[in-house]
Amino acid sequence: WRAKVPGILGASVSRDPDHADRVHDLRLFANHDAYLKHTDKSDDALTAAMGVWFANYDTSRPFIGEIYAPDPNDERLHKSSVTSSPAPPIGLTSFRLGAPEMLGPIPTGEQRKA
């Protein structure tokens, strides 16, 4: 991905060692454009590998976690780019990039020293 789509900072997908039905999917993008371009299906080998991975997802259970995006309600964020099977229910906590509540309170210098 990184070589083909500038702005992809990192991606990791792994199974939780303590919960066989839990997957950790972390993707970091420099901007929304990079996110949209990472779903390009022109890489046949990558698209096939992702299809095999997603075929093992239990789509009867919701995806849960967090999403940080310019517009967390953007429909493109809530459907699969790899498979045409019905998307699982989404249980994501959404944060709008740049919104004041995105990071929560940031400690002042005095609070950091304590």
PDB file of N, CA and C in Angstrom:
ATOM      1  N   TRP A   1       0.807  -1.196   0.000  1.00  0.00           N
ATOM      2  CA  TRP A   1       0.000   0.000   0.000  1.00  0.00           C
ATOM      3  C   TRP A   1       0.849   1.259   0.000  1.00  0.00           C
ATOM      4  N   ARG A   2       1.803   1.340   0.904  1.00  0.00           N
ATOM      5  CA  ARG A   2       2.555   2.588   1.078  1.00  0.00           C
ATOM      6  C   ARG A   2       3.256   3.018  -0.202  1.00  0.00           C
ATOM      7  N   ALA A   3       3.761   2.053  -0.955  1.00  0.00           N
ATOM      8  CA  ALA A   3       4.469   2.397  -2.185  1.00  0.00           C
ATOM      9  C   ALA A   3       3.519   2.920  -3.257  1.00  0.00           C
ATOM     10  N   LYS A   4       2.274   2.467  -3.227  1.00  0.00           N
ATOM     11  CA  LYS A   4       1.326   2.817  -4.279  1.00  0.00           C
ATOM     12  C   LYS A   4       0.420   3.994  -3.935  1.00  0.00           C
ATOM     13  N   VAL A   5       0.190   4.215  -2.660  1.00  0.00           N
ATOM     14  CA  VAL A   5      -0.721   5.284  -2.249  1.00  0.00           C
ATOM     15  C   VAL A   5      -0.028   6.180  -1.228  1.00  0.00           C
ATOM     16  N   PRO A   6       0.468   7.334  -1.676  1.00  0.00           N
ATOM     17  CA  PRO A   6       1.071   8.257  -0.718  1.00  0.00           C
ATOM     18  C   PRO A   6       0.054   8.644   0.355  1.00  0.00           C
ATOM     19  N   GLY A   7       0.506   8.720   1.567  1.00  0.00           N
ATOM     20  CA  GLY A   7      -0.391   9.095   2.656  1.00  0.00           C
ATOM     21  C   GLY A   7      -0.822   7.932   3.523  1.00  0.00           C
ATOM     22  N   ILE A   8      -0.507   6.711   3.131  1.00  0.00           N
ATOM     23  CA  ILE A   8      -0.764   5.580   4.012  1.00  0.00           C
ATOM     24  C   ILE A   8       0.435   5.489   4.952  1.00  0.00           C
ATOM     25  N   LEU A   9       0.178   5.761   6.218  1.00  0.00           N
ATOM     26  CA  LEU A   9       1.262   5.794   7.193  1.00  0.00           C
ATOM     27  C   LEU A   9       1.521   4.435   7.818  1.00  0.00           C
ATOM     28  N   GLY A  10       0.506   3.602   7.884  1.00  0.00           N
ATOM     29  CA  GLY A  10       0.694   2.272   8.447  1.00  0.00           C
ATOM     30  C   GLY A  10      -0.607   1.505   8.488  1.00  0.00           C
ATOM     31  N   ALA A  11      -0.496   0.182   8.538  1.00  0.00           N
ATOM     32  CA  ALA A  11      -1.669  -0.681   8.646  1.00  0.00           C
ATOM     33  C   ALA A  11      -1.256  -1.972   9.329  1.00  0.00           C
ATOM     34  N   SER A  12      -2.135  -2.465  10.182  1.00  0.00           N
ATOM     35  CA  SER A  12      -1.882  -3.714  10.881  1.00  0.00           C
ATOM     36  C   SER A  12      -3.215  -4.405  11.122  1.00  0.00           C
ATOM     37  N   VAL A  13      -3.274  -5.685  10.851  1.00  0.00           N
ATOM     38  CA  VAL A  13      -4.449  -6.491  11.151  1.00  0.00           C
ATOM     39  C   VAL A  13      -3.940  -7.744  11.843  1.00  0.00           C
ATOM     40  N   SER A  14      -4.442  -8.006  13.039  1.00  0.00           N
ATOM     41  CA  SER A  14      -3.986  -9.183  13.778  1.00  0.00           C
ATOM     42  C   SER A  14      -5.106  -9.729  14.655  1.00  0.00           C
ATOM     43  N   ARG A  15      -5.027 -11.018  14.900  1.00  0.00           N
ATOM     44  CA  ARG A  15      -5.996 -11.665  15.784  1.00  0.00           C
ATOM     45  C   ARG A  15      -5.562 -11.469  17.226  1.00  0.00           C
ATOM     46  N   ASP A  16      -6.504 -11.230  18.088  1.00  0.00           N
ATOM     47  CA  ASP A  16      -6.211 -11.047  19.502  1.00  0.00           C
ATOM     48  C   ASP A  16      -5.728 -12.369  20.098  1.00  0.00           C
ATOM     49  N   PRO A  17      -4.620 -12.361  20.836  1.00  0.00           N
ATOM     50  CA  PRO A  17      -4.098 -13.617  21.379  1.00  0.00           C
ATOM     51  C   PRO A  17      -4.978 -14.237  22.461  1.00  0.00           C
ATOM     52  N   ASP A  18      -5.829 -13.433  23.099  1.00  0.00           N
ATOM     53  CA  ASP A  18      -6.657 -13.933  24.192  1.00  0.00           C
ATOM     54  C   ASP A  18      -8.117 -14.160  23.820  1.00  0.00           C
ATOM     55  N   HIS A  19      -8.538 -13.647  22.662  1.00  0.00           N
ATOM     56  CA  HIS A  19      -9.934 -13.766  22.234  1.00  0.00           C
ATOM     57  C   HIS A  19      -9.950 -14.179  20.765  1.00  0.00           C
ATOM     58  N   ALA A  20     -10.259 -15.433  20.506  1.00  0.00           N
ATOM     59  CA  ALA A  20     -10.198 -15.970  19.137  1.00  0.00           C
ATOM     60  C   ALA A  20     -11.150 -15.269  18.178  1.00  0.00           C
ATOM     61  N   ASP A  21     -12.200 -14.644  18.702  1.00  0.00           N
ATOM     62  CA  ASP A  21     -13.168 -13.986  17.818  1.00  0.00           C
ATOM     63  C   ASP A  21     -12.949 -12.475  17.737  1.00  0.00           C
ATOM     64  N   ARG A  22     -11.772 -11.997  18.151  1.00  0.00           N
ATOM     65  CA  ARG A  22     -11.486 -10.564  18.133  1.00  0.00           C
ATOM     66  C   ARG A  22     -10.307 -10.280  17.204  1.00  0.00           C
ATOM     67  N   VAL A  23     -10.461  -9.256  16.378  1.00  0.00           N
ATOM     68  CA  VAL A  23      -9.413  -8.845  15.446  1.00  0.00           C
ATOM     69  C   VAL A  23      -9.095  -7.377  15.704  1.00  0.00           C
ATOM     70  N   HIS A  24      -7.820  -7.044  15.670  1.00  0.00           N
ATOM     71  CA  HIS A  24      -7.393  -5.651  15.797  1.00  0.00           C
ATOM     72  C   HIS A  24      -7.007  -5.161  14.406  1.00  0.00           C
ATOM     73  N   ASP A  25      -7.675  -4.139  13.939  1.00  0.00           N
ATOM     74  CA  ASP A  25      -7.466  -3.577  12.603  1.00  0.00           C
ATOM     75  C   ASP A  25      -7.129  -2.107  12.782  1.00  0.00           C
ATOM     76  N   LEU A  26      -5.882  -1.764  12.567  1.00  0.00           N
ATOM     77  CA  LEU A  26      -5.414  -0.394  12.746  1.00  0.00           C
ATOM     78  C   LEU A  26      -4.903   0.124  11.418  1.00  0.00           C
ATOM     79  N   ARG A  27      -5.432   1.246  10.987  1.00  0.00           N
ATOM     80  CA  ARG A  27      -4.978   1.873   9.743  1.00  0.00           C
ATOM     81  C   ARG A  27      -4.770   3.353  10.005  1.00  0.00           C
ATOM     82  N   LEU A  28      -3.622   3.858   9.590  1.00  0.00           N
ATOM     83  CA  LEU A  28      -3.278   5.262   9.800  1.00  0.00           C
ATOM     84  C   LEU A  28      -3.044   5.931   8.456  1.00  0.00           C
ATOM     85  N   PHE A  29      -3.734   7.042   8.237  1.00  0.00           N
ATOM     86  CA  PHE A  29      -3.637   7.769   6.980  1.00  0.00           C
ATOM     87  C   PHE A  29      -3.279   9.219   7.258  1.00  0.00           C
ATOM     88  N   ALA A  30      -2.514   9.805   6.375  1.00  0.00           N
ATOM     89  CA  ALA A  30      -2.125  11.208   6.517  1.00  0.00           C
ATOM     90  C   ALA A  30      -3.307  12.133   6.270  1.00  0.00           C
ATOM     91  N   ASN A  31      -4.277  11.653   5.473  1.00  0.00           N
ATOM     92  CA  ASN A  31      -5.417  12.510   5.136  1.00  0.00           C
ATOM     93  C   ASN A  31      -6.560  11.639   4.592  1.00  0.00           C
ATOM     94  N   HIS A  32      -7.702  12.263   4.402  1.00  0.00           N
ATOM     95  CA  HIS A  32      -8.887  11.527   3.949  1.00  0.00           C
ATOM     96  C   HIS A  32      -8.707  11.001   2.530  1.00  0.00           C
ATOM     97  N   ASP A  33      -8.003  11.735   1.698  1.00  0.00           N
ATOM     98  CA  ASP A  33      -7.753  11.290   0.325  1.00  0.00           C
ATOM     99  C   ASP A  33      -6.997   9.958   0.316  1.00  0.00           C
ATOM    100  N   ALA A  34      -6.002   9.826   1.191  1.00  0.00           N
ATOM    101  CA  ALA A  34      -5.253   8.561   1.275  1.00  0.00           C
ATOM    102  C   ALA A  34      -6.172   7.426   1.709  1.00  0.00           C
ATOM    103  N   TYR A  35      -7.092   7.711   2.644  1.00  0.00           N
ATOM    104  CA  TYR A  35      -8.038   6.676   3.055  1.00  0.00           C
ATOM    105  C   TYR A  35      -8.875   6.210   1.862  1.00  0.00           C
ATOM    106  N   LEU A  36      -9.408   7.156   1.114  1.00  0.00           N
ATOM    107  CA  LEU A  36     -10.260   6.798  -0.021  1.00  0.00           C
ATOM    108  C   LEU A  36      -9.484   6.022  -1.072  1.00  0.00           C
ATOM    109  N   LYS A  37      -8.221   6.353  -1.295  1.00  0.00           N
ATOM    110  CA  LYS A  37      -7.420   5.676  -2.316  1.00  0.00           C
ATOM    111  C   LYS A  37      -6.928   4.296  -1.877  1.00  0.00           C
ATOM    112  N   HIS A  38      -6.914   4.014  -0.580  1.00  0.00           N
ATOM    113  CA  HIS A  38      -6.397   2.722  -0.133  1.00  0.00           C
ATOM    114  C   HIS A  38      -7.322   1.569  -0.516  1.00  0.00           C
ATOM    115  N   THR A  39      -8.519   1.866  -0.956  1.00  0.00           N
ATOM    116  CA  THR A  39      -9.450   0.817  -1.362  1.00  0.00           C
ATOM    117  C   THR A  39      -9.384   0.509  -2.857  1.00  0.00           C
ATOM    118  N   ASP A  40      -8.404   1.064  -3.546  1.00  0.00           N
ATOM    119  CA  ASP A  40      -8.221   0.816  -4.977  1.00  0.00           C
ATOM    120  C   ASP A  40      -7.979  -0.673  -5.218  1.00  0.00           C
ATOM    121  N   LYS A  41      -8.742  -1.273  -6.085  1.00  0.00           N
ATOM    122  CA  LYS A  41      -8.650  -2.719  -6.337  1.00  0.00           C
ATOM    123  C   LYS A  41      -7.717  -3.075  -7.494  1.00  0.00           C
ATOM    124  N   SER A  42      -6.851  -2.175  -7.913  1.00  0.00           N
ATOM    125  CA  SER A  42      -5.976  -2.470  -9.047  1.00  0.00           C
ATOM    126  C   SER A  42      -4.858  -3.454  -8.698  1.00  0.00           C
ATOM    127  N   ASP A  43      -4.578  -3.647  -7.412  1.00  0.00           N
ATOM    128  CA  ASP A  43      -3.569  -4.624  -6.978  1.00  0.00           C
ATOM    129  C   ASP A  43      -4.285  -5.951  -6.749  1.00  0.00           C
ATOM    130  N   ASP A  44      -4.255  -6.823  -7.759  1.00  0.00           N
ATOM    131  CA  ASP A  44      -5.004  -8.080  -7.699  1.00  0.00           C
ATOM    132  C   ASP A  44      -4.584  -8.966  -6.529  1.00  0.00           C
ATOM    133  N   ALA A  45      -3.280  -9.055  -6.261  1.00  0.00           N
ATOM    134  CA  ALA A  45      -2.797  -9.923  -5.177  1.00  0.00           C
ATOM    135  C   ALA A  45      -3.285  -9.414  -3.822  1.00  0.00           C
ATOM    136  N   LEU A  46      -3.200  -8.109  -3.596  1.00  0.00           N
ATOM    137  CA  LEU A  46      -3.659  -7.541  -2.328  1.00  0.00           C
ATOM    138  C   LEU A  46      -5.166  -7.678  -2.183  1.00  0.00           C
ATOM    139  N   THR A  47      -5.900  -7.412  -3.245  1.00  0.00           N
ATOM    140  CA  THR A  47      -7.359  -7.522  -3.202  1.00  0.00           C
ATOM    141  C   THR A  47      -7.770  -8.961  -2.900  1.00  0.00           C
ATOM    142  N   ALA A  48      -7.101  -9.946  -3.514  1.00  0.00           N
ATOM    143  CA  ALA A  48      -7.407 -11.360  -3.253  1.00  0.00           C
ATOM    144  C   ALA A  48      -7.099 -11.730  -1.803  1.00  0.00           C
ATOM    145  N   ALA A  49      -5.966 -11.265  -1.289  1.00  0.00           N
ATOM    146  CA  ALA A  49      -5.584 -11.567   0.096  1.00  0.00           C
ATOM    147  C   ALA A  49      -6.591 -10.964   1.080  1.00  0.00           C
ATOM    148  N   MET A  50      -7.012  -9.740   0.825  1.00  0.00           N
ATOM    149  CA  MET A  50      -7.991  -9.106   1.702  1.00  0.00           C
ATOM    150  C   MET A  50      -9.342  -9.825   1.614  1.00  0.00           C
ATOM    151  N   GLY A  51      -9.696 -10.309   0.430  1.00  0.00           N
ATOM    152  CA  GLY A  51     -10.942 -11.062   0.272  1.00  0.00           C
ATOM    153  C   GLY A  51     -10.934 -12.330   1.103  1.00  0.00           C
ATOM    154  N   VAL A  52      -9.804 -13.035   1.125  1.00  0.00           N
ATOM    155  CA  VAL A  52      -9.677 -14.250   1.943  1.00  0.00           C
ATOM    156  C   VAL A  52      -9.800 -13.892   3.422  1.00  0.00           C
ATOM    157  N   TRP A  53      -9.120 -12.819   3.823  1.00  0.00           N
ATOM    158  CA  TRP A  53      -9.171 -12.396   5.229  1.00  0.00           C
ATOM    159  C   TRP A  53     -10.608 -12.053   5.632  1.00  0.00           C
ATOM    160  N   PHE A  54     -11.287 -11.214   4.830  1.00  0.00           N
ATOM    161  CA  PHE A  54     -12.633 -10.776   5.184  1.00  0.00           C
ATOM    162  C   PHE A  54     -13.652 -11.905   5.092  1.00  0.00           C
ATOM    163  N   ALA A  55     -13.386 -12.930   4.299  1.00  0.00           N
ATOM    164  CA  ALA A  55     -14.308 -14.068   4.203  1.00  0.00           C
ATOM    165  C   ALA A  55     -14.435 -14.783   5.546  1.00  0.00           C
ATOM    166  N   ASN A  56     -13.466 -14.598   6.425  1.00  0.00           N
ATOM    167  CA  ASN A  56     -13.486 -15.242   7.737  1.00  0.00           C
ATOM    168  C   ASN A  56     -14.139 -14.391   8.822  1.00  0.00           C
ATOM    169  N   TYR A  57     -14.565 -13.193   8.482  1.00  0.00           N
ATOM    170  CA  TYR A  57     -15.221 -12.335   9.464  1.00  0.00           C
ATOM    171  C   TYR A  57     -16.624 -12.863   9.748  1.00  0.00           C
ATOM    172  N   ASP A  58     -17.033 -12.821  10.983  1.00  0.00           N
ATOM    173  CA  ASP A  58     -18.398 -13.164  11.370  1.00  0.00           C
ATOM    174  C   ASP A  58     -19.227 -11.889  11.241  1.00  0.00           C
ATOM    175  N   THR A  59     -19.935 -11.748  10.139  1.00  0.00           N
ATOM    176  CA  THR A  59     -20.672 -10.517   9.871  1.00  0.00           C
ATOM    177  C   THR A  59     -21.993 -10.429  10.639  1.00  0.00           C
ATOM    178  N   SER A  60     -22.284 -11.441  11.462  1.00  0.00           N
ATOM    179  CA  SER A  60     -23.487 -11.350  12.291  1.00  0.00           C
ATOM    180  C   SER A  60     -23.209 -10.572  13.572  1.00  0.00           C
ATOM    181  N   ARG A  61     -21.941 -10.296  13.845  1.00  0.00           N
ATOM    182  CA  ARG A  61     -21.558  -9.543  15.043  1.00  0.00           C
ATOM    183  C   ARG A  61     -21.055  -8.169  14.624  1.00  0.00           C
ATOM    184  N   PRO A  62     -21.313  -7.163  15.429  1.00  0.00           N
ATOM    185  CA  PRO A  62     -20.922  -5.803  15.033  1.00  0.00           C
ATOM    186  C   PRO A  62     -19.412  -5.577  15.090  1.00  0.00           C
ATOM    187  N   PHE A  63     -18.939  -4.712  14.200  1.00  0.00           N
ATOM    188  CA  PHE A  63     -17.581  -4.185  14.307  1.00  0.00           C
ATOM    189  C   PHE A  63     -17.643  -3.129  15.390  1.00  0.00           C
ATOM    190  N   ILE A  64     -16.732  -3.191  16.341  1.00  0.00           N
ATOM    191  CA  ILE A  64     -16.691  -2.183  17.393  1.00  0.00           C
ATOM    192  C   ILE A  64     -15.307  -1.563  17.430  1.00  0.00           C
ATOM    193  N   GLY A  65     -15.225  -0.358  17.910  1.00  0.00           N
ATOM    194  CA  GLY A  65     -13.950   0.328  17.994  1.00  0.00           C
ATOM    195  C   GLY A  65     -14.136   1.813  17.809  1.00  0.00           C
ATOM    196  N   GLU A  66     -13.104   2.465  17.299  1.00  0.00           N
ATOM    197  CA  GLU A  66     -13.127   3.904  17.106  1.00  0.00           C
ATOM    198  C   GLU A  66     -12.779   4.242  15.667  1.00  0.00           C
ATOM    199  N   ILE A  67     -13.354   5.327  15.191  1.00  0.00           N
ATOM    200  CA  ILE A  67     -12.995   5.848  13.876  1.00  0.00           C
ATOM    201  C   ILE A  67     -12.810   7.359  14.012  1.00  0.00           C
ATOM    202  N   TYR A  68     -11.714   7.838  13.484  1.00  0.00           N
ATOM    203  CA  TYR A  68     -11.381   9.257  13.501  1.00  0.00           C
ATOM    204  C   TYR A  68     -11.359   9.707  12.049  1.00  0.00           C
ATOM    205  N   ALA A  69     -12.237  10.630  11.681  1.00  0.00           N
ATOM    206  CA  ALA A  69     -12.362  11.018  10.277  1.00  0.00           C
ATOM    207  C   ALA A  69     -12.910  12.439  10.169  1.00  0.00           C
ATOM    208  N   PRO A  70     -12.671  13.083   9.014  1.00  0.00           N
ATOM    209  CA  PRO A  70     -13.243  14.426   8.818  1.00  0.00           C
ATOM    210  C   PRO A  70     -14.763  14.407   8.931  1.00  0.00           C
ATOM    211  N   ASP A  71     -15.389  13.334   8.430  1.00  0.00           N
ATOM    212  CA  ASP A  71     -16.838  13.186   8.522  1.00  0.00           C
ATOM    213  C   ASP A  71     -17.138  11.727   8.851  1.00  0.00           C
ATOM    214  N   PRO A  72     -17.264  11.379  10.135  1.00  0.00           N
ATOM    215  CA  PRO A  72     -17.497   9.981  10.516  1.00  0.00           C
ATOM    216  C   PRO A  72     -18.790   9.399   9.960  1.00  0.00           C
ATOM    217  N   ASN A  73     -19.694  10.241   9.451  1.00  0.00           N
ATOM    218  CA  ASN A  73     -20.946   9.754   8.878  1.00  0.00           C
ATOM    219  C   ASN A  73     -20.840   9.465   7.387  1.00  0.00           C
ATOM    220  N   ASP A  74     -19.682   9.696   6.796  1.00  0.00           N
ATOM    221  CA  ASP A  74     -19.472   9.428   5.372  1.00  0.00           C
ATOM    222  C   ASP A  74     -19.751   7.950   5.100  1.00  0.00           C
ATOM    223  N   GLU A  75     -20.698   7.658   4.229  1.00  0.00           N
ATOM    224  CA  GLU A  75     -21.103   6.279   3.938  1.00  0.00           C
ATOM    225  C   GLU A  75     -19.933   5.401   3.475  1.00  0.00           C
ATOM    226  N   ARG A  76     -18.938   5.996   2.823  1.00  0.00           N
ATOM    227  CA  ARG A  76     -17.800   5.205   2.338  1.00  0.00           C
ATOM    228  C   ARG A  76     -17.005   4.593   3.481  1.00  0.00           C
ATOM    229  N   LEU A  77     -17.147   5.115   4.669  1.00  0.00           N
ATOM    230  CA  LEU A  77     -16.438   4.576   5.831  1.00  0.00           C
ATOM    231  C   LEU A  77     -17.147   3.374   6.434  1.00  0.00           C
ATOM    232  N   HIS A  78     -18.364   3.099   6.000  1.00  0.00           N
ATOM    233  CA  HIS A  78     -19.191   2.096   6.651  1.00  0.00           C
ATOM    234  C   HIS A  78     -19.597   0.946   5.742  1.00  0.00           C
ATOM    235  N   LYS A  79     -18.829   0.711   4.692  1.00  0.00           N
ATOM    236  CA  LYS A  79     -19.104  -0.440   3.838  1.00  0.00           C
ATOM    237  C   LYS A  79     -17.782  -1.021   3.348  1.00  0.00           C
ATOM    238  N   SER A  80     -17.805  -2.265   3.003  1.00  0.00           N
ATOM    239  CA  SER A  80     -16.595  -2.948   2.574  1.00  0.00           C
ATOM    240  C   SER A  80     -16.264  -2.612   1.134  1.00  0.00           C
ATOM    241  N   SER A  81     -14.998  -2.382   0.890  1.00  0.00           N
ATOM    242  CA  SER A  81     -14.542  -2.161  -0.480  1.00  0.00           C
ATOM    243  C   SER A  81     -14.070  -3.453  -1.118  1.00  0.00           C
ATOM    244  N   VAL A  82     -14.000  -4.525  -0.330  1.00  0.00           N
ATOM    245  CA  VAL A  82     -13.440  -5.789  -0.806  1.00  0.00           C
ATOM    246  C   VAL A  82     -14.521  -6.797  -1.146  1.00  0.00           C
ATOM    247  N   THR A  83     -15.556  -6.856  -0.331  1.00  0.00           N
ATOM    248  CA  THR A  83     -16.574  -7.868  -0.533  1.00  0.00           C
ATOM    249  C   THR A  83     -17.943  -7.228  -0.760  1.00  0.00           C
ATOM    250  N   SER A  84     -18.781  -7.905  -1.509  1.00  0.00           N
ATOM    251  CA  SER A  84     -20.124  -7.382  -1.750  1.00  0.00           C
ATOM    252  C   SER A  84     -21.127  -7.973  -0.769  1.00  0.00           C
ATOM    253  N   SER A  85     -20.669  -8.871   0.130  1.00  0.00           N
ATOM    254  CA  SER A  85     -21.591  -9.431   1.115  1.00  0.00           C
ATOM    255  C   SER A  85     -22.071  -8.331   2.050  1.00  0.00           C
ATOM    256  N   PRO A  86     -23.200  -8.552   2.680  1.00  0.00           N
ATOM    257  CA  PRO A  86     -23.743  -7.494   3.548  1.00  0.00           C
ATOM    258  C   PRO A  86     -22.737  -7.091   4.622  1.00  0.00           C
ATOM    259  N   ALA A  87     -22.657  -5.815   4.860  1.00  0.00           N
ATOM    260  CA  ALA A  87     -21.739  -5.315   5.880  1.00  0.00           C
ATOM    261  C   ALA A  87     -22.280  -5.673   7.258  1.00  0.00           C
ATOM    262  N   PRO A  88     -21.381  -5.965   8.181  1.00  0.00           N
ATOM    263  CA  PRO A  88     -21.843  -6.252   9.544  1.00  0.00           C
ATOM    264  C   PRO A  88     -22.359  -4.981  10.203  1.00  0.00           C
ATOM    265  N   PRO A  89     -23.115  -5.127  11.268  1.00  0.00           N
ATOM    266  CA  PRO A  89     -23.542  -3.931  12.000  1.00  0.00           C
ATOM    267  C   PRO A  89     -22.308  -3.175  12.492  1.00  0.00           C
ATOM    268  N   ILE A  90     -22.414  -1.890  12.552  1.00  0.00           N
ATOM    269  CA  ILE A  90     -21.285  -1.068  12.968  1.00  0.00           C
ATOM    270  C   ILE A  90     -21.552  -0.540  14.379  1.00  0.00           C
ATOM    271  N   GLY A  91     -20.585  -0.718  15.257  1.00  0.00           N
ATOM    272  CA  GLY A  91     -20.673  -0.205  16.617  1.00  0.00           C
ATOM    273  C   GLY A  91     -19.472   0.659  16.921  1.00  0.00           C
ATOM    274  N   LEU A  92     -19.156   1.563  16.015  1.00  0.00           N
ATOM    275  CA  LEU A  92     -17.963   2.391  16.171  1.00  0.00           C
ATOM    276  C   LEU A  92     -18.271   3.688  16.907  1.00  0.00           C
ATOM    277  N   THR A  93     -17.360   4.057  17.787  1.00  0.00           N
ATOM    278  CA  THR A  93     -17.410   5.381  18.384  1.00  0.00           C
ATOM    279  C   THR A  93     -16.709   6.311  17.411  1.00  0.00           C
ATOM    280  N   SER A  94     -17.386   7.343  16.976  1.00  0.00           N
ATOM    281  CA  SER A  94     -16.853   8.223  15.935  1.00  0.00           C
ATOM    282  C   SER A  94     -16.339   9.532  16.522  1.00  0.00           C
ATOM    283  N   PHE A  95     -15.225   9.983  15.961  1.00  0.00           N
ATOM    284  CA  PHE A  95     -14.640  11.259  16.337  1.00  0.00           C
ATOM    285  C   PHE A  95     -14.380  12.056  15.071  1.00  0.00           C
ATOM    286  N   ARG A  96     -14.811  13.296  15.052  1.00  0.00           N
ATOM    287  CA  ARG A  96     -14.579  14.175  13.907  1.00  0.00           C
ATOM    288  C   ARG A  96     -13.213  14.818  14.073  1.00  0.00           C
ATOM    289  N   LEU A  97     -12.340  14.613  13.090  1.00  0.00           N
ATOM    290  CA  LEU A  97     -11.000  15.205  13.151  1.00  0.00           C
ATOM    291  C   LEU A  97     -11.085  16.703  13.359  1.00  0.00           C
ATOM    292  N   GLY A  98     -10.295  17.193  14.281  1.00  0.00           N
ATOM    293  CA  GLY A  98     -10.252  18.624  14.544  1.00  0.00           C
ATOM    294  C   GLY A  98     -11.301  19.119  15.517  1.00  0.00           C
ATOM    295  N   ALA A  99     -12.257  18.264  15.876  1.00  0.00           N
ATOM    296  CA  ALA A  99     -13.281  18.676  16.840  1.00  0.00           C
ATOM    297  C   ALA A  99     -12.641  18.801  18.218  1.00  0.00           C
ATOM    298  N   PRO A 100     -13.092  19.753  19.009  1.00  0.00           N
ATOM    299  CA  PRO A 100     -12.477  19.965  20.326  1.00  0.00           C
ATOM    300  C   PRO A 100     -12.500  18.730  21.220  1.00  0.00           C
ATOM    301  N   GLU A 101     -13.539  17.908  21.125  1.00  0.00           N
ATOM    302  CA  GLU A 101     -13.632  16.743  21.999  1.00  0.00           C
ATOM    303  C   GLU A 101     -12.835  15.531  21.502  1.00  0.00           C
ATOM    304  N   MET A 102     -12.171  15.665  20.367  1.00  0.00           N
ATOM    305  CA  MET A 102     -11.468  14.527  19.792  1.00  0.00           C
ATOM    306  C   MET A 102     -10.410  13.956  20.727  1.00  0.00           C
ATOM    307  N   LEU A 103      -9.621  14.799  21.351  1.00  0.00           N
ATOM    308  CA  LEU A 103      -8.537  14.328  22.204  1.00  0.00           C
ATOM    309  C   LEU A 103      -8.857  14.391  23.684  1.00  0.00           C
ATOM    310  N   GLY A 104      -9.904  15.076  24.057  1.00  0.00           N
ATOM    311  CA  GLY A 104     -10.198  15.250  25.469  1.00  0.00           C
ATOM    312  C   GLY A 104      -9.298  16.318  26.054  1.00  0.00           C
ATOM    313  N   PRO A 105      -9.337  16.473  27.363  1.00  0.00           N
ATOM    314  CA  PRO A 105      -8.529  17.530  27.978  1.00  0.00           C
ATOM    315  C   PRO A 105      -7.035  17.241  27.843  1.00  0.00           C
ATOM    316  N   ILE A 106      -6.287  18.252  27.506  1.00  0.00           N
ATOM    317  CA  ILE A 106      -4.839  18.122  27.380  1.00  0.00           C
ATOM    318  C   ILE A 106      -4.214  18.784  28.601  1.00  0.00           C
ATOM    319  N   PRO A 107      -3.363  18.050  29.345  1.00  0.00           N
ATOM    320  CA  PRO A 107      -2.780  18.613  30.558  1.00  0.00           C
ATOM    321  C   PRO A 107      -1.891  19.813  30.266  1.00  0.00           C
ATOM    322  N   THR A 108      -1.891  20.755  31.187  1.00  0.00           N
ATOM    323  CA  THR A 108      -0.986  21.893  31.086  1.00  0.00           C
ATOM    324  C   THR A 108       0.401  21.457  31.529  1.00  0.00           C
ATOM    325  N   GLY A 109       1.375  22.294  31.336  1.00  0.00           N
ATOM    326  CA  GLY A 109       2.745  21.979  31.750  1.00  0.00           C
ATOM    327  C   GLY A 109       2.849  21.628  33.213  1.00  0.00           C
ATOM    328  N   GLU A 110       2.133  22.356  34.078  1.00  0.00           N
ATOM    329  CA  GLU A 110       2.170  22.090  35.519  1.00  0.00           C
ATOM    330  C   GLU A 110       1.573  20.717  35.835  1.00  0.00           C
ATOM    331  N   GLN A 111       0.492  20.342  35.151  1.00  0.00           N
ATOM    332  CA  GLN A 111      -0.145  19.054  35.408  1.00  0.00           C
ATOM    333  C   GLN A 111       0.764  17.912  34.959  1.00  0.00           C
ATOM    334  N   ARG A 112       1.542  18.111  33.897  1.00  0.00           N
ATOM    335  CA  ARG A 112       2.443  17.067  33.416  1.00  0.00           C
ATOM    336  C   ARG A 112       3.569  16.793  34.395  1.00  0.00           C
ATOM    337  N   LYS A 113       4.000  17.823  35.139  1.00  0.00           N
ATOM    338  CA  LYS A 113       5.106  17.666  36.077  1.00  0.00           C
ATOM    339  C   LYS A 113       4.685  16.886  37.325  1.00  0.00           C
ATOM    340  N   ALA A 114       3.389  16.891  37.626  1.00  0.00           N
ATOM    341  CA  ALA A 114       2.889  16.253  38.859  1.00  0.00           C
ATOM    342  C   ALA A 114       2.963  14.749  38.813  1.00  0.00           C
TER     343      ALA A 114
END
